[in-house]
Structures are given as C-alpha cells and as structure tokens.
Amino acid sequence: MDTPKELELRNLLKRDESIMGIVVAEKDSGTPVLSAYNQSSFDSVDRFRPYIASMLTMMRNSNKLGMGETKRVCLTYDEANVVCFFYKIWIIIVAGESESNLGGMLSLEDELYRCV
C-alpha cells in the first residue's frame, strides 16, 4: 500500500505524462527513500541510479569550484531530461522523457518540497 507521500508524488506524475518518475534520496549517500514511477516507463529505482550519481557529482564539483551551494541542476541526456532539487538533507530527482518540458518540471519544485 502506498504511503500518503507516495500518493502525492503519483498525483504529480499524472499532471505530465512525459515525466517518467520522481525519486527522493538522501543528499550524502544518494540512497533512495521515496519514489513514484510512471507505470509505462520505470519499474524500479535501479534505472535512476546513474541520474542520482551524476547529480551528486555535479553538486560536489560545483561546491569545490567555489560556486556556493547548489539549489537545482538540470541535465539532458539522449533518452531523458532530469531535474534535481536540493532541499535540506534530500535530493529530489524528476526524470522525464527527452521531449519533456524542463520548465514544467522545474515548476513542480514547491509542490515537491511539500511532499518531502
């Protein structure tokens, strides 16, 4: 049975069919703690692991370069667009199809913070 937070994430997924999934992970370890997937896209968190690893790398490297604290990161791949929000001790990752609207994904930020 889904928790209330998972249900909230699933409701956000229903707004845009191009979003494949949302994962909430610990910022330090990258360990996923909460997730929701579009049934036609992902079946497990394992498909998100490369995105989580690349987000952690981007975050750490920007801190090393003296750019300050990273708030959000947008990455585009051949097969997906990924937006990551850094919130308190969490990383919130939203992955969409390559044709997905990055602006639409970014606009979910405040609602995602309420889910966490």
PDB file of N, CA and C in Angstrom:
ATOM      1  N   MET A   1       0.837  -1.183   0.000  1.00  0.00           N
ATOM      2  CA  MET A   1       0.000   0.000   0.000  1.00  0.00           C
ATOM      3  C   MET A   1       0.883   1.248   0.000  1.00  0.00           C
ATOM      4  N   ASP A   2       0.513   2.216  -0.780  1.00  0.00           N
ATOM      5  CA  ASP A   2       1.286   3.452  -0.884  1.00  0.00           C
ATOM      6  C   ASP A   2       1.089   4.338   0.344  1.00  0.00           C
ATOM      7  N   THR A   3       2.166   5.008   0.730  1.00  0.00           N
ATOM      8  CA  THR A   3       2.084   5.976   1.818  1.00  0.00           C
ATOM      9  C   THR A   3       1.451   7.261   1.281  1.00  0.00           C
ATOM     10  N   PRO A   4       1.001   8.160   2.161  1.00  0.00           N
ATOM     11  CA  PRO A   4       0.425   9.429   1.684  1.00  0.00           C
ATOM     12  C   PRO A   4       1.408  10.234   0.826  1.00  0.00           C
ATOM     13  N   LYS A   5       2.690  10.195   1.171  1.00  0.00           N
ATOM     14  CA  LYS A   5       3.678  10.938   0.383  1.00  0.00           C
ATOM     15  C   LYS A   5       3.853  10.337  -1.001  1.00  0.00           C
ATOM     16  N   GLU A   6       3.818   9.007  -1.092  1.00  0.00           N
ATOM     17  CA  GLU A   6       3.903   8.359  -2.404  1.00  0.00           C
ATOM     18  C   GLU A   6       2.678   8.688  -3.254  1.00  0.00           C
ATOM     19  N   LEU A   7       1.521   8.765  -2.616  1.00  0.00           N
ATOM     20  CA  LEU A   7       0.309   9.141  -3.350  1.00  0.00           C
ATOM     21  C   LEU A   7       0.409  10.565  -3.887  1.00  0.00           C
ATOM     22  N   GLU A   8       0.992  11.471  -3.089  1.00  0.00           N
ATOM     23  CA  GLU A   8       1.181  12.847  -3.559  1.00  0.00           C
ATOM     24  C   GLU A   8       2.116  12.884  -4.762  1.00  0.00           C
ATOM     25  N   LEU A   9       3.194  12.107  -4.707  1.00  0.00           N
ATOM     26  CA  LEU A   9       4.119  12.048  -5.844  1.00  0.00           C
ATOM     27  C   LEU A   9       3.422  11.483  -7.075  1.00  0.00           C
ATOM     28  N   ARG A  10       2.611  10.454  -6.901  1.00  0.00           N
ATOM     29  CA  ARG A  10       1.884   9.865  -8.035  1.00  0.00           C
ATOM     30  C   ARG A  10       0.909  10.868  -8.657  1.00  0.00           C
ATOM     31  N   ASN A  11       0.288  11.679  -7.812  1.00  0.00           N
ATOM     32  CA  ASN A  11      -0.613  12.716  -8.339  1.00  0.00           C
ATOM     33  C   ASN A  11       0.152  13.737  -9.161  1.00  0.00           C
ATOM     34  N   LEU A  12       1.371  14.072  -8.755  1.00  0.00           N
ATOM     35  CA  LEU A  12       2.191  14.992  -9.550  1.00  0.00           C
ATOM     36  C   LEU A  12       2.559  14.361 -10.891  1.00  0.00           C
ATOM     37  N   LEU A  13       2.814  13.054 -10.898  1.00  0.00           N
ATOM     38  CA  LEU A  13       3.147  12.358 -12.146  1.00  0.00           C
ATOM     39  C   LEU A  13       1.997  12.405 -13.140  1.00  0.00           C
ATOM     40  N   LYS A  14       0.772  12.376 -12.642  1.00  0.00           N
ATOM     41  CA  LYS A  14      -0.394  12.354 -13.523  1.00  0.00           C
ATOM     42  C   LYS A  14      -0.571  13.661 -14.288  1.00  0.00           C
ATOM     43  N   ARG A  15       0.023  14.733 -13.804  1.00  0.00           N
ATOM     44  CA  ARG A  15      -0.112  16.030 -14.477  1.00  0.00           C
ATOM     45  C   ARG A  15       0.588  16.078 -15.819  1.00  0.00           C
ATOM     46  N   ASP A  16       1.696  15.369 -15.922  1.00  0.00           N
ATOM     47  CA  ASP A  16       2.504  15.416 -17.140  1.00  0.00           C
ATOM     48  C   ASP A  16       2.934  13.996 -17.490  1.00  0.00           C
ATOM     49  N   GLU A  17       2.395  13.461 -18.556  1.00  0.00           N
ATOM     50  CA  GLU A  17       2.694  12.083 -18.930  1.00  0.00           C
ATOM     51  C   GLU A  17       4.127  11.878 -19.386  1.00  0.00           C
ATOM     52  N   SER A  18       4.851  12.968 -19.685  1.00  0.00           N
ATOM     53  CA  SER A  18       6.238  12.813 -20.117  1.00  0.00           C
ATOM     54  C   SER A  18       7.196  12.632 -18.929  1.00  0.00           C
ATOM     55  N   ILE A  19       6.712  12.836 -17.705  1.00  0.00           N
ATOM     56  CA  ILE A  19       7.557  12.591 -16.528  1.00  0.00           C
ATOM     57  C   ILE A  19       7.553  11.098 -16.245  1.00  0.00           C
ATOM     58  N   MET A  20       8.742  10.517 -16.212  1.00  0.00           N
ATOM     59  CA  MET A  20       8.861   9.078 -16.023  1.00  0.00           C
ATOM     60  C   MET A  20       8.861   8.676 -14.560  1.00  0.00           C
ATOM     61  N   GLY A  21       9.389   9.532 -13.695  1.00  0.00           N
ATOM     62  CA  GLY A  21       9.420   9.172 -12.283  1.00  0.00           C
ATOM     63  C   GLY A  21      10.008  10.267 -11.423  1.00  0.00           C
ATOM     64  N   ILE A  22       9.763  10.131 -10.127  1.00  0.00           N
ATOM     65  CA  ILE A  22      10.288  11.059  -9.127  1.00  0.00           C
ATOM     66  C   ILE A  22      10.911  10.215  -8.024  1.00  0.00           C
ATOM     67  N   VAL A  23      12.130  10.566  -7.638  1.00  0.00           N
ATOM     68  CA  VAL A  23      12.825   9.860  -6.564  1.00  0.00           C
ATOM     69  C   VAL A  23      13.324  10.885  -5.554  1.00  0.00           C
ATOM     70  N   VAL A  24      13.125  10.571  -4.278  1.00  0.00           N
ATOM     71  CA  VAL A  24      13.688  11.370  -3.191  1.00  0.00           C
ATOM     72  C   VAL A  24      14.780  10.518  -2.568  1.00  0.00           C
ATOM     73  N   ALA A  25      15.995  11.072  -2.496  1.00  0.00           N
ATOM     74  CA  ALA A  25      17.138  10.331  -1.971  1.00  0.00           C
ATOM     75  C   ALA A  25      17.871  11.181  -0.937  1.00  0.00           C
ATOM     76  N   GLU A  26      18.658  10.525  -0.088  1.00  0.00           N
ATOM     77  CA  GLU A  26      19.486  11.248   0.872  1.00  0.00           C
ATOM     78  C   GLU A  26      20.592  11.963   0.121  1.00  0.00           C
ATOM     79  N   LYS A  27      20.870  13.200   0.519  1.00  0.00           N
ATOM     80  CA  LYS A  27      21.859  14.007  -0.178  1.00  0.00           C
ATOM     81  C   LYS A  27      23.269  13.428  -0.058  1.00  0.00           C
ATOM     82  N   ASP A  28      23.646  12.955   1.115  1.00  0.00           N
ATOM     83  CA  ASP A  28      25.015  12.482   1.325  1.00  0.00           C
ATOM     84  C   ASP A  28      25.304  11.145   0.668  1.00  0.00           C
ATOM     85  N   SER A  29      24.380  10.198   0.802  1.00  0.00           N
ATOM     86  CA  SER A  29      24.640   8.846   0.298  1.00  0.00           C
ATOM     87  C   SER A  29      24.001   8.554  -1.046  1.00  0.00           C
ATOM     88  N   GLY A  30      22.960   9.300  -1.408  1.00  0.00           N
ATOM     89  CA  GLY A  30      22.242   9.019  -2.636  1.00  0.00           C
ATOM     90  C   GLY A  30      21.274   7.851  -2.506  1.00  0.00           C
ATOM     91  N   THR A  31      21.022   7.408  -1.289  1.00  0.00           N
ATOM     92  CA  THR A  31      20.124   6.288  -1.052  1.00  0.00           C
ATOM     93  C   THR A  31      18.670   6.717  -1.231  1.00  0.00           C
ATOM     94  N   PRO A  32      17.946   6.113  -2.156  1.00  0.00           N
ATOM     95  CA  PRO A  32      16.539   6.472  -2.366  1.00  0.00           C
ATOM     96  C   PRO A  32      15.680   6.096  -1.162  1.00  0.00           C
ATOM     97  N   VAL A  33      14.791   7.005  -0.753  1.00  0.00           N
ATOM     98  CA  VAL A  33      13.907   6.744   0.378  1.00  0.00           C
ATOM     99  C   VAL A  33      12.426   6.810  -0.009  1.00  0.00           C
ATOM    100  N   LEU A  34      12.128   7.437  -1.133  1.00  0.00           N
ATOM    101  CA  LEU A  34      10.746   7.599  -1.570  1.00  0.00           C
ATOM    102  C   LEU A  34      10.753   7.697  -3.091  1.00  0.00           C
ATOM    103  N   SER A  35       9.796   7.049  -3.744  1.00  0.00           N
ATOM    104  CA  SER A  35       9.784   7.107  -5.205  1.00  0.00           C
ATOM    105  C   SER A  35       8.392   6.852  -5.750  1.00  0.00           C
ATOM    106  N   ALA A  36       8.182   7.353  -6.955  1.00  0.00           N
ATOM    107  CA  ALA A  36       6.950   7.107  -7.707  1.00  0.00           C
ATOM    108  C   ALA A  36       7.326   7.080  -9.179  1.00  0.00           C
ATOM    109  N   TYR A  37       6.724   6.164  -9.928  1.00  0.00           N
ATOM    110  CA  TYR A  37       7.067   5.974 -11.328  1.00  0.00           C
ATOM    111  C   TYR A  37       5.834   5.972 -12.202  1.00  0.00           C
ATOM    112  N   ASN A  38       6.036   6.434 -13.424  1.00  0.00           N
ATOM    113  CA  ASN A  38       5.032   6.261 -14.460  1.00  0.00           C
ATOM    114  C   ASN A  38       5.098   4.779 -14.833  1.00  0.00           C
ATOM    115  N   GLN A  39       3.998   4.079 -14.749  1.00  0.00           N
ATOM    116  CA  GLN A  39       3.997   2.627 -14.945  1.00  0.00           C
ATOM    117  C   GLN A  39       4.578   2.195 -16.284  1.00  0.00           C
ATOM    118  N   SER A  40       4.466   3.026 -17.293  1.00  0.00           N
ATOM    119  CA  SER A  40       4.962   2.630 -18.615  1.00  0.00           C
ATOM    120  C   SER A  40       6.448   2.907 -18.788  1.00  0.00           C
ATOM    121  N   SER A  41       7.085   3.573 -17.833  1.00  0.00           N
ATOM    122  CA  SER A  41       8.473   3.965 -18.013  1.00  0.00           C
ATOM    123  C   SER A  41       9.459   3.189 -17.156  1.00  0.00           C
ATOM    124  N   PHE A  42       9.234   3.202 -15.855  1.00  0.00           N
ATOM    125  CA  PHE A  42      10.184   2.585 -14.939  1.00  0.00           C
ATOM    126  C   PHE A  42       9.493   1.528 -14.106  1.00  0.00           C
ATOM    127  N   ASP A  43      10.239   0.535 -13.710  1.00  0.00           N
ATOM    128  CA  ASP A  43       9.677  -0.451 -12.810  1.00  0.00           C
ATOM    129  C   ASP A  43      10.441  -0.520 -11.495  1.00  0.00           C
ATOM    130  N   SER A  44      11.564   0.194 -11.392  1.00  0.00           N
ATOM    131  CA  SER A  44      12.304   0.181 -10.137  1.00  0.00           C
ATOM    132  C   SER A  44      13.228   1.382 -10.059  1.00  0.00           C
ATOM    133  N   VAL A  45      13.743   1.593  -8.867  1.00  0.00           N
ATOM    134  CA  VAL A  45      14.647   2.710  -8.642  1.00  0.00           C
ATOM    135  C   VAL A  45      16.005   2.470  -9.304  1.00  0.00           C
ATOM    136  N   ASP A  46      16.313   1.234  -9.667  1.00  0.00           N
ATOM    137  CA  ASP A  46      17.615   0.928 -10.260  1.00  0.00           C
ATOM    138  C   ASP A  46      17.884   1.729 -11.526  1.00  0.00           C
ATOM    139  N   ARG A  47      16.855   2.029 -12.279  1.00  0.00           N
ATOM    140  CA  ARG A  47      17.040   2.792 -13.513  1.00  0.00           C
ATOM    141  C   ARG A  47      17.438   4.238 -13.211  1.00  0.00           C
ATOM    142  N   PHE A  48      17.176   4.709 -11.981  1.00  0.00           N
ATOM    143  CA  PHE A  48      17.518   6.073 -11.595  1.00  0.00           C
ATOM    144  C   PHE A  48      18.947   6.214 -11.071  1.00  0.00           C
ATOM    145  N   ARG A  49      19.587   5.123 -10.728  1.00  0.00           N
ATOM    146  CA  ARG A  49      20.906   5.211 -10.075  1.00  0.00           C
ATOM    147  C   ARG A  49      21.929   6.042 -10.855  1.00  0.00           C
ATOM    148  N   PRO A  50      22.041   5.917 -12.181  1.00  0.00           N
ATOM    149  CA  PRO A  50      23.002   6.772 -12.891  1.00  0.00           C
ATOM    150  C   PRO A  50      22.671   8.262 -12.763  1.00  0.00           C
ATOM    151  N   TYR A  51      21.375   8.605 -12.741  1.00  0.00           N
ATOM    152  CA  TYR A  51      20.982  10.003 -12.587  1.00  0.00           C
ATOM    153  C   TYR A  51      21.360  10.519 -11.205  1.00  0.00           C
ATOM    154  N   ILE A  52      21.135   9.686 -10.187  1.00  0.00           N
ATOM    155  CA  ILE A  52      21.497  10.071  -8.825  1.00  0.00           C
ATOM    156  C   ILE A  52      22.999  10.292  -8.732  1.00  0.00           C
ATOM    157  N   ALA A  53      23.775   9.382  -9.301  1.00  0.00           N
ATOM    158  CA  ALA A  53      25.239   9.508  -9.252  1.00  0.00           C
ATOM    159  C   ALA A  53      25.716  10.768  -9.966  1.00  0.00           C
ATOM    160  N   SER A  54      25.133  11.078 -11.120  1.00  0.00           N
ATOM    161  CA  SER A  54      25.574  12.276 -11.844  1.00  0.00           C
ATOM    162  C   SER A  54      25.186  13.543 -11.093  1.00  0.00           C
ATOM    163  N   MET A  55      24.033  13.535 -10.430  1.00  0.00           N
ATOM    164  CA  MET A  55      23.622  14.705  -9.641  1.00  0.00           C
ATOM    165  C   MET A  55      24.558  14.935  -8.471  1.00  0.00           C
ATOM    166  N   LEU A  56      24.932  13.869  -7.781  1.00  0.00           N
ATOM    167  CA  LEU A  56      25.855  14.005  -6.652  1.00  0.00           C
ATOM    168  C   LEU A  56      27.203  14.542  -7.124  1.00  0.00           C
ATOM    169  N   THR A  57      27.658  14.073  -8.270  1.00  0.00           N
ATOM    170  CA  THR A  57      28.924  14.554  -8.828  1.00  0.00           C
ATOM    171  C   THR A  57      28.845  16.028  -9.171  1.00  0.00           C
ATOM    172  N   MET A  58      27.772  16.453  -9.810  1.00  0.00           N
ATOM    173  CA  MET A  58      27.593  17.869 -10.146  1.00  0.00           C
ATOM    174  C   MET A  58      27.580  18.734  -8.892  1.00  0.00           C
ATOM    175  N   MET A  59      26.870  18.279  -7.869  1.00  0.00           N
ATOM    176  CA  MET A  59      26.754  19.039  -6.635  1.00  0.00           C
ATOM    177  C   MET A  59      28.119  19.191  -5.975  1.00  0.00           C
ATOM    178  N   ARG A  60      28.848  18.114  -5.859  1.00  0.00           N
ATOM    179  CA  ARG A  60      30.158  18.155  -5.199  1.00  0.00           C
ATOM    180  C   ARG A  60      31.151  19.003  -5.986  1.00  0.00           C
ATOM    181  N   ASN A  61      31.144  18.884  -7.298  1.00  0.00           N
ATOM    182  CA  ASN A  61      32.092  19.656  -8.103  1.00  0.00           C
ATOM    183  C   ASN A  61      31.787  21.147  -8.071  1.00  0.00           C
ATOM    184  N   SER A  62      30.525  21.530  -8.062  1.00  0.00           N
ATOM    185  CA  SER A  62      30.211  22.958  -8.004  1.00  0.00           C
ATOM    186  C   SER A  62      30.640  23.539  -6.659  1.00  0.00           C
ATOM    187  N   ASN A  63      30.522  22.763  -5.591  1.00  0.00           N
ATOM    188  CA  ASN A  63      30.986  23.234  -4.289  1.00  0.00           C
ATOM    189  C   ASN A  63      32.505  23.396  -4.280  1.00  0.00           C
ATOM    190  N   LYS A  64      33.216  22.473  -4.905  1.00  0.00           N
ATOM    191  CA  LYS A  64      34.683  22.549  -4.964  1.00  0.00           C
ATOM    192  C   LYS A  64      35.153  23.750  -5.768  1.00  0.00           C
ATOM    193  N   LEU A  65      34.390  24.142  -6.773  1.00  0.00           N
ATOM    194  CA  LEU A  65      34.768  25.275  -7.610  1.00  0.00           C
ATOM    195  C   LEU A  65      34.422  26.620  -6.979  1.00  0.00           C
ATOM    196  N   GLY A  66      33.867  26.599  -5.796  1.00  0.00           N
ATOM    197  CA  GLY A  66      33.536  27.835  -5.109  1.00  0.00           C
ATOM    198  C   GLY A  66      32.289  28.516  -5.623  1.00  0.00           C
ATOM    199  N   MET A  67      31.397  27.773  -6.237  1.00  0.00           N
ATOM    200  CA  MET A  67      30.168  28.346  -6.775  1.00  0.00           C
ATOM    201  C   MET A  67      29.080  28.481  -5.716  1.00  0.00           C
ATOM    202  N   GLY A  68      29.343  27.997  -4.528  1.00  0.00           N
ATOM    203  CA  GLY A  68      28.337  28.065  -3.476  1.00  0.00           C
ATOM    204  C   GLY A  68      27.449  26.839  -3.486  1.00  0.00           C
ATOM    205  N   GLU A  69      26.426  26.884  -2.658  1.00  0.00           N
ATOM    206  CA  GLU A  69      25.516  25.761  -2.522  1.00  0.00           C
ATOM    207  C   GLU A  69      24.658  25.598  -3.778  1.00  0.00           C
ATOM    208  N   THR A  70      24.551  24.372  -4.249  1.00  0.00           N
ATOM    209  CA  THR A  70      23.743  24.067  -5.420  1.00  0.00           C
ATOM    210  C   THR A  70      22.283  23.963  -5.003  1.00  0.00           C
ATOM    211  N   LYS A  71      21.403  24.649  -5.696  1.00  0.00           N
ATOM    212  CA  LYS A  71      19.963  24.609  -5.402  1.00  0.00           C
ATOM    213  C   LYS A  71      19.221  23.669  -6.345  1.00  0.00           C
ATOM    214  N   ARG A  72      19.550  23.732  -7.630  1.00  0.00           N
ATOM    215  CA  ARG A  72      18.913  22.867  -8.624  1.00  0.00           C
ATOM    216  C   ARG A  72      19.897  22.597  -9.767  1.00  0.00           C
ATOM    217  N   VAL A  73      19.702  21.469 -10.398  1.00  0.00           N
ATOM    218  CA  VAL A  73      20.532  21.079 -11.539  1.00  0.00           C
ATOM    219  C   VAL A  73      19.605  20.515 -12.610  1.00  0.00           C
ATOM    220  N   CYS A  74      19.826  20.907 -13.856  1.00  0.00           N
ATOM    221  CA  CYS A  74      19.090  20.347 -14.998  1.00  0.00           C
ATOM    222  C   CYS A  74      20.097  19.651 -15.907  1.00  0.00           C
ATOM    223  N   LEU A  75      19.832  18.420 -16.237  1.00  0.00           N
ATOM    224  CA  LEU A  75      20.685  17.672 -17.144  1.00  0.00           C
ATOM    225  C   LEU A  75      19.842  17.108 -18.277  1.00  0.00           C
ATOM    226  N   THR A  76      20.408  17.106 -19.468  1.00  0.00           N
ATOM    227  CA  THR A  76      19.719  16.497 -20.596  1.00  0.00           C
ATOM    228  C   THR A  76      20.584  15.357 -21.131  1.00  0.00           C
ATOM    229  N   TYR A  77      19.954  14.244 -21.358  1.00  0.00           N
ATOM    230  CA  TYR A  77      20.583  13.060 -21.926  1.00  0.00           C
ATOM    231  C   TYR A  77      19.851  12.739 -23.223  1.00  0.00           C
ATOM    232  N   ASP A  78      20.397  11.820 -24.001  1.00  0.00           N
ATOM    233  CA  ASP A  78      19.724  11.414 -25.237  1.00  0.00           C
ATOM    234  C   ASP A  78      18.336  10.845 -24.952  1.00  0.00           C
ATOM    235  N   GLU A  79      18.224  10.086 -23.865  1.00  0.00           N
ATOM    236  CA  GLU A  79      16.959   9.410 -23.583  1.00  0.00           C
ATOM    237  C   GLU A  79      16.109  10.074 -22.510  1.00  0.00           C
ATOM    238  N   ALA A  80      16.632  11.116 -21.854  1.00  0.00           N
ATOM    239  CA  ALA A  80      15.861  11.706 -20.747  1.00  0.00           C
ATOM    240  C   ALA A  80      16.323  13.123 -20.418  1.00  0.00           C
ATOM    241  N   ASN A  81      15.416  13.882 -19.812  1.00  0.00           N
ATOM    242  CA  ASN A  81      15.737  15.153 -19.172  1.00  0.00           C
ATOM    243  C   ASN A  81      15.589  14.928 -17.677  1.00  0.00           C
ATOM    244  N   VAL A  82      16.519  15.442 -16.907  1.00  0.00           N
ATOM    245  CA  VAL A  82      16.492  15.224 -15.469  1.00  0.00           C
ATOM    246  C   VAL A  82      16.655  16.554 -14.763  1.00  0.00           C
ATOM    247  N   VAL A  83      15.780  16.804 -13.789  1.00  0.00           N
ATOM    248  CA  VAL A  83      15.865  17.992 -12.951  1.00  0.00           C
ATOM    249  C   VAL A  83      16.053  17.516 -11.526  1.00  0.00           C
ATOM    250  N   CYS A  84      16.966  18.149 -10.828  1.00  0.00           N
ATOM    251  CA  CYS A  84      17.244  17.765  -9.461  1.00  0.00           C
ATOM    252  C   CYS A  84      17.144  18.993  -8.565  1.00  0.00           C
ATOM    253  N   PHE A  85      16.457  18.837  -7.442  1.00  0.00           N
ATOM    254  CA  PHE A  85      16.328  19.891  -6.449  1.00  0.00           C
ATOM    255  C   PHE A  85      17.025  19.430  -5.179  1.00  0.00           C
ATOM    256  N   PHE A  86      17.788  20.312  -4.578  1.00  0.00           N
ATOM    257  CA  PHE A  86      18.447  20.002  -3.317  1.00  0.00           C
ATOM    258  C   PHE A  86      17.684  20.719  -2.218  1.00  0.00           C
ATOM    259  N   TYR A  87      17.127  19.943  -1.286  1.00  0.00           N
ATOM    260  CA  TYR A  87      16.264  20.500  -0.253  1.00  0.00           C
ATOM    261  C   TYR A  87      16.619  19.857   1.084  1.00  0.00           C
ATOM    262  N   LYS A  88      17.142  20.661   1.989  1.00  0.00           N
ATOM    263  CA  LYS A  88      17.569  20.196   3.312  1.00  0.00           C
ATOM    264  C   LYS A  88      18.516  19.019   3.140  1.00  0.00           C
ATOM    265  N   ILE A  89      18.140  17.845   3.646  1.00  0.00           N
ATOM    266  CA  ILE A  89      19.025  16.676   3.530  1.00  0.00           C
ATOM    267  C   ILE A  89      18.642  15.786   2.353  1.00  0.00           C
ATOM    268  N   TRP A  90      17.782  16.276   1.471  1.00  0.00           N
ATOM    269  CA  TRP A  90      17.246  15.459   0.388  1.00  0.00           C
ATOM    270  C   TRP A  90      17.673  15.947  -0.993  1.00  0.00           C
ATOM    271  N   ILE A  91      17.709  15.004  -1.907  1.00  0.00           N
ATOM    272  CA  ILE A  91      17.811  15.286  -3.334  1.00  0.00           C
ATOM    273  C   ILE A  91      16.493  14.807  -3.925  1.00  0.00           C
ATOM    274  N   ILE A  92      15.826  15.671  -4.648  1.00  0.00           N
ATOM    275  CA  ILE A  92      14.571  15.287  -5.299  1.00  0.00           C
ATOM    276  C   ILE A  92      14.847  15.262  -6.798  1.00  0.00           C
ATOM    277  N   ILE A  93      14.703  14.096  -7.393  1.00  0.00           N
ATOM    278  CA  ILE A  93      15.030  13.909  -8.801  1.00  0.00           C
ATOM    279  C   ILE A  93      13.748  13.670  -9.599  1.00  0.00           C
ATOM    280  N   VAL A  94      13.571  14.464 -10.640  1.00  0.00           N
ATOM    281  CA  VAL A  94      12.438  14.306 -11.544  1.00  0.00           C
ATOM    282  C   VAL A  94      13.017  13.968 -12.914  1.00  0.00           C
ATOM    283  N   ALA A  95      12.678  12.802 -13.422  1.00  0.00           N
ATOM    284  CA  ALA A  95      13.181  12.374 -14.731  1.00  0.00           C
ATOM    285  C   ALA A  95      12.026  12.326 -15.715  1.00  0.00           C
ATOM    286  N   GLY A  96      12.258  12.910 -16.871  1.00  0.00           N
ATOM    287  CA  GLY A  96      11.244  12.928 -17.912  1.00  0.00           C
ATOM    288  C   GLY A  96      11.815  12.421 -19.222  1.00  0.00           C
ATOM    289  N   GLU A  97      10.944  12.150 -20.143  1.00  0.00           N
ATOM    290  CA  GLU A  97      11.373  11.726 -21.476  1.00  0.00           C
ATOM    291  C   GLU A  97      12.196  12.838 -22.117  1.00  0.00           C
ATOM    292  N   SER A  98      12.915  12.522 -23.156  1.00  0.00           N
ATOM    293  CA  SER A  98      13.780  13.516 -23.798  1.00  0.00           C
ATOM    294  C   SER A  98      12.999  14.702 -24.353  1.00  0.00           C
ATOM    295  N   GLU A  99      11.714  14.508 -24.647  1.00  0.00           N
ATOM    296  CA  GLU A  99      10.886  15.597 -25.164  1.00  0.00           C
ATOM    297  C   GLU A  99      10.158  16.362 -24.060  1.00  0.00           C
ATOM    298  N   SER A 100      10.389  16.006 -22.808  1.00  0.00           N
ATOM    299  CA  SER A 100       9.648  16.634 -21.707  1.00  0.00           C
ATOM    300  C   SER A 100      10.048  18.098 -21.543  1.00  0.00           C
ATOM    301  N   ASN A 101       9.156  18.864 -20.958  1.00  0.00           N
ATOM    302  CA  ASN A 101       9.330  20.293 -20.776  1.00  0.00           C
ATOM    303  C   ASN A 101      10.085  20.557 -19.482  1.00  0.00           C
ATOM    304  N   LEU A 102      11.329  21.033 -19.579  1.00  0.00           N
ATOM    305  CA  LEU A 102      12.132  21.312 -18.386  1.00  0.00           C
ATOM    306  C   LEU A 102      11.477  22.380 -17.508  1.00  0.00           C
ATOM    307  N   GLY A 103      10.877  23.390 -18.125  1.00  0.00           N
ATOM    308  CA  GLY A 103      10.196  24.439 -17.362  1.00  0.00           C
ATOM    309  C   GLY A 103       9.051  23.875 -16.541  1.00  0.00           C
ATOM    310  N   GLY A 104       8.312  22.950 -17.128  1.00  0.00           N
ATOM    311  CA  GLY A 104       7.224  22.300 -16.406  1.00  0.00           C
ATOM    312  C   GLY A 104       7.740  21.470 -15.249  1.00  0.00           C
ATOM    313  N   MET A 105       8.864  20.805 -15.461  1.00  0.00           N
ATOM    314  CA  MET A 105       9.462  20.012 -14.387  1.00  0.00           C
ATOM    315  C   MET A 105       9.966  20.925 -13.269  1.00  0.00           C
ATOM    316  N   LEU A 106      10.577  22.039 -13.640  1.00  0.00           N
ATOM    317  CA  LEU A 106      11.061  22.991 -12.632  1.00  0.00           C
ATOM    318  C   LEU A 106       9.918  23.610 -11.837  1.00  0.00           C
ATOM    319  N   SER A 107       8.765  23.755 -12.456  1.00  0.00           N
ATOM    320  CA  SER A 107       7.631  24.378 -11.774  1.00  0.00           C
ATOM    321  C   SER A 107       7.048  23.494 -10.665  1.00  0.00           C
ATOM    322  N   LEU A 108       7.453  22.250 -10.600  1.00  0.00           N
ATOM    323  CA  LEU A 108       6.980  21.342  -9.555  1.00  0.00           C
ATOM    324  C   LEU A 108       7.722  21.520  -8.233  1.00  0.00           C
ATOM    325  N   GLU A 109       8.726  22.375  -8.221  1.00  0.00           N
ATOM    326  CA  GLU A 109       9.624  22.491  -7.064  1.00  0.00           C
ATOM    327  C   GLU A 109       8.891  22.671  -5.732  1.00  0.00           C
ATOM    328  N   ASP A 110       8.053  23.671  -5.614  1.00  0.00           N
ATOM    329  CA  ASP A 110       7.382  23.940  -4.338  1.00  0.00           C
ATOM    330  C   ASP A 110       6.487  22.780  -3.906  1.00  0.00           C
ATOM    331  N   GLU A 111       5.794  22.174  -4.850  1.00  0.00           N
ATOM    332  CA  GLU A 111       4.932  21.047  -4.511  1.00  0.00           C
ATOM    333  C   GLU A 111       5.740  19.824  -4.077  1.00  0.00           C
ATOM    334  N   LEU A 112       6.903  19.643  -4.689  1.00  0.00           N
ATOM    335  CA  LEU A 112       7.761  18.532  -4.283  1.00  0.00           C
ATOM    336  C   LEU A 112       8.298  18.747  -2.875  1.00  0.00           C
ATOM    337  N   TYR A 113       8.638  19.974  -2.540  1.00  0.00           N
ATOM    338  CA  TYR A 113       9.109  20.273  -1.188  1.00  0.00           C
ATOM    339  C   TYR A 113       8.052  19.928  -0.154  1.00  0.00           C
ATOM    340  N   ARG A 114       6.795  20.167  -0.467  1.00  0.00           N
ATOM    341  CA  ARG A 114       5.709  19.832   0.472  1.00  0.00           C
ATOM    342  C   ARG A 114       5.565  18.321   0.626  1.00  0.00           C
ATOM    343  N   CYS A 115       5.896  17.565  -0.416  1.00  0.00           N
ATOM    344  CA  CYS A 115       5.798  16.098  -0.335  1.00  0.00           C
ATOM    345  C   CYS A 115       6.874  15.502   0.566  1.00  0.00           C
ATOM    346  N   VAL A 116       7.984  16.199   0.651  1.00  0.00           N
ATOM    347  CA  VAL A 116       9.102  15.708   1.454  1.00  0.00           C
ATOM    348  C   VAL A 116       8.924  16.223   2.851  1.00  0.00           C
TER     349      VAL A 116
END
